[in-house]
Amino acid sequence: MKMKNDVPLLLGTTSKDGKRIQVWCPFCRVVHHHGWSQGDKKIRHRGAHCTLRHTNVGSYGYYIKPAIFNKNGELSEINNKPRRIS
């Protein structure tokens, strides 16, 4: 899914304490970890941590959308209805 100006939207999973979020980067194919506000369920922009020179994602980063899991640990819904980020 792409957001404003073709900046990618990635699905992230939060840590147990909710202070970090991780995403699988489709550009460098590595998991990136970012700081996160505990309980935040909104789409947020983050700078990419790509270290590969052939990826240009670092210049614009990506948006992260936290996932919601049910009691069985299965993905139950993706937070927030799709919306345009201004």
C-alpha atoms as a PDB file:
ATOM      1  CA  MET A   1       0.000   0.000   0.000  1.00  0.00           C
ATOM      2  CA  LYS A   2       1.294   3.457  -0.875  1.00  0.00           C
ATOM      3  CA  MET A   3       0.520   6.691   0.905  1.00  0.00           C
ATOM      4  CA  LYS A   4       1.157  10.333   0.072  1.00  0.00           C
ATOM      5  CA  ASN A   5       3.856  10.922  -2.549  1.00  0.00           C
ATOM      6  CA  ASP A   6       4.272   7.153  -3.042  1.00  0.00           C
ATOM      7  CA  VAL A   7       5.837   6.721   0.401  1.00  0.00           C
ATOM      8  CA  PRO A   8       5.269   3.060   1.394  1.00  0.00           C
ATOM      9  CA  LEU A   9       2.962   1.979   4.212  1.00  0.00           C
ATOM     10  CA  LEU A  10       4.305  -0.990   6.176  1.00  0.00           C
ATOM     11  CA  LEU A  11       2.541  -3.145   8.752  1.00  0.00           C
ATOM     12  CA  GLY A  12       4.388  -3.188  12.075  1.00  0.00           C
ATOM     13  CA  THR A  13       4.258  -5.231  15.245  1.00  0.00           C
ATOM     14  CA  THR A  14       4.830  -3.626  18.622  1.00  0.00           C
ATOM     15  CA  SER A  15       6.963  -4.991  21.421  1.00  0.00           C
ATOM     16  CA  LYS A  16       5.294  -6.388  24.553  1.00  0.00           C
ATOM     17  CA  ASP A  17       5.855  -3.118  26.409  1.00  0.00           C
ATOM     18  CA  GLY A  18       4.626  -1.120  23.391  1.00  0.00           C
ATOM     19  CA  LYS A  19       7.678   1.139  23.274  1.00  0.00           C
ATOM     20  CA  ARG A  20       9.151  -0.291  20.050  1.00  0.00           C
ATOM     21  CA  ILE A  21       7.747  -1.353  16.706  1.00  0.00           C
ATOM     22  CA  GLN A  22       9.329  -3.553  14.071  1.00  0.00           C
ATOM     23  CA  VAL A  23       8.718  -3.756  10.339  1.00  0.00           C
ATOM     24  CA  TRP A  24      10.012  -5.950   7.545  1.00  0.00           C
ATOM     25  CA  CYS A  25      11.656  -3.629   5.040  1.00  0.00           C
ATOM     26  CA  PRO A  26      10.793  -4.614   1.467  1.00  0.00           C
ATOM     27  CA  PHE A  27      13.732  -2.579   0.162  1.00  0.00           C
ATOM     28  CA  CYS A  28      16.711  -4.068   1.989  1.00  0.00           C
ATOM     29  CA  ARG A  29      14.855  -7.170   3.268  1.00  0.00           C
ATOM     30  CA  VAL A  30      15.842  -6.657   6.887  1.00  0.00           C
ATOM     31  CA  VAL A  31      13.723  -6.080  10.012  1.00  0.00           C
ATOM     32  CA  HIS A  32      13.949  -2.493  11.247  1.00  0.00           C
ATOM     33  CA  HIS A  33      13.143  -1.470  14.836  1.00  0.00           C
ATOM     34  CA  HIS A  34      11.814   1.960  15.729  1.00  0.00           C
ATOM     35  CA  GLY A  35      10.818   3.738  18.908  1.00  0.00           C
ATOM     36  CA  TRP A  36       7.041   3.907  19.426  1.00  0.00           C
ATOM     37  CA  SER A  37       4.699   5.599  21.871  1.00  0.00           C
ATOM     38  CA  GLN A  38       3.075   3.022  24.095  1.00  0.00           C
ATOM     39  CA  GLY A  39      -0.536   2.408  23.015  1.00  0.00           C
ATOM     40  CA  ASP A  40      -0.237   4.497  19.832  1.00  0.00           C
ATOM     41  CA  LYS A  41      -2.461   2.985  17.147  1.00  0.00           C
ATOM     42  CA  LYS A  42      -2.100   5.670  14.489  1.00  0.00           C
ATOM     43  CA  ILE A  43      -0.154   5.583  11.251  1.00  0.00           C
ATOM     44  CA  ARG A  44       3.215   7.272  11.785  1.00  0.00           C
ATOM     45  CA  HIS A  45       6.136   8.191   9.549  1.00  0.00           C
ATOM     46  CA  ARG A  46       9.619   6.908  10.293  1.00  0.00           C
ATOM     47  CA  GLY A  47      12.978   7.224   8.600  1.00  0.00           C
ATOM     48  CA  ALA A  48      14.252   3.982   7.100  1.00  0.00           C
ATOM     49  CA  HIS A  49      17.266   2.276   8.627  1.00  0.00           C
ATOM     50  CA  CYS A  50      18.415   0.834   5.293  1.00  0.00           C
ATOM     51  CA  THR A  51      22.163   0.553   5.009  1.00  0.00           C
ATOM     52  CA  LEU A  52      22.332  -0.749   1.457  1.00  0.00           C
ATOM     53  CA  ARG A  53      23.472   1.923  -0.947  1.00  0.00           C
ATOM     54  CA  HIS A  54      21.302   0.679  -3.818  1.00  0.00           C
ATOM     55  CA  THR A  55      18.119   1.460  -1.883  1.00  0.00           C
ATOM     56  CA  ASN A  56      16.884   5.025  -1.999  1.00  0.00           C
ATOM     57  CA  VAL A  57      14.137   4.531   0.589  1.00  0.00           C
ATOM     58  CA  GLY A  58      16.313   6.271   3.162  1.00  0.00           C
ATOM     59  CA  SER A  59      15.598   9.583   1.498  1.00  0.00           C
ATOM     60  CA  TYR A  60      11.870   9.431   2.217  1.00  0.00           C
ATOM     61  CA  GLY A  61      11.348   6.670   4.783  1.00  0.00           C
ATOM     62  CA  TYR A  62       7.989   4.951   5.190  1.00  0.00           C
ATOM     63  CA  TYR A  63       4.761   5.007   7.158  1.00  0.00           C
ATOM     64  CA  ILE A  64       4.082   2.328   9.762  1.00  0.00           C
ATOM     65  CA  LYS A  65       0.656   1.043  10.718  1.00  0.00           C
ATOM     66  CA  PRO A  66       0.471  -1.092  13.900  1.00  0.00           C
ATOM     67  CA  ALA A  67      -1.192  -4.495  13.598  1.00  0.00           C
ATOM     68  CA  ILE A  68      -3.806  -5.767  16.062  1.00  0.00           C
ATOM     69  CA  PHE A  69      -3.686  -9.383  17.174  1.00  0.00           C
ATOM     70  CA  ASN A  70      -6.410 -11.451  18.844  1.00  0.00           C
ATOM     71  CA  LYS A  71      -5.977 -13.528  22.006  1.00  0.00           C
ATOM     72  CA  ASN A  72      -4.630 -16.446  19.951  1.00  0.00           C
ATOM     73  CA  GLY A  73      -1.861 -14.301  18.519  1.00  0.00           C
ATOM     74  CA  GLU A  74      -3.460 -14.186  15.073  1.00  0.00           C
ATOM     75  CA  LEU A  75      -3.736 -10.991  13.064  1.00  0.00           C
ATOM     76  CA  SER A  76      -7.312  -9.927  13.756  1.00  0.00           C
ATOM     77  CA  GLU A  77      -7.414  -6.550  12.071  1.00  0.00           C
ATOM     78  CA  ILE A  78      -5.217  -3.853  10.728  1.00  0.00           C
ATOM     79  CA  ASN A  79      -5.551  -0.656  12.715  1.00  0.00           C
ATOM     80  CA  ASN A  80      -7.286   2.411  11.380  1.00  0.00           C
ATOM     81  CA  LYS A  81      -9.459   2.653   8.359  1.00  0.00           C
ATOM     82  CA  PRO A  82      -7.457   3.577   5.281  1.00  0.00           C
ATOM     83  CA  ARG A  83      -7.083   7.318   5.168  1.00  0.00           C
ATOM     84  CA  ARG A  84      -5.025   9.896   3.404  1.00  0.00           C
ATOM     85  CA  ILE A  85      -2.151  11.355   5.363  1.00  0.00           C
ATOM     86  CA  SER A  86      -1.639  15.042   4.790  1.00  0.00           C
END
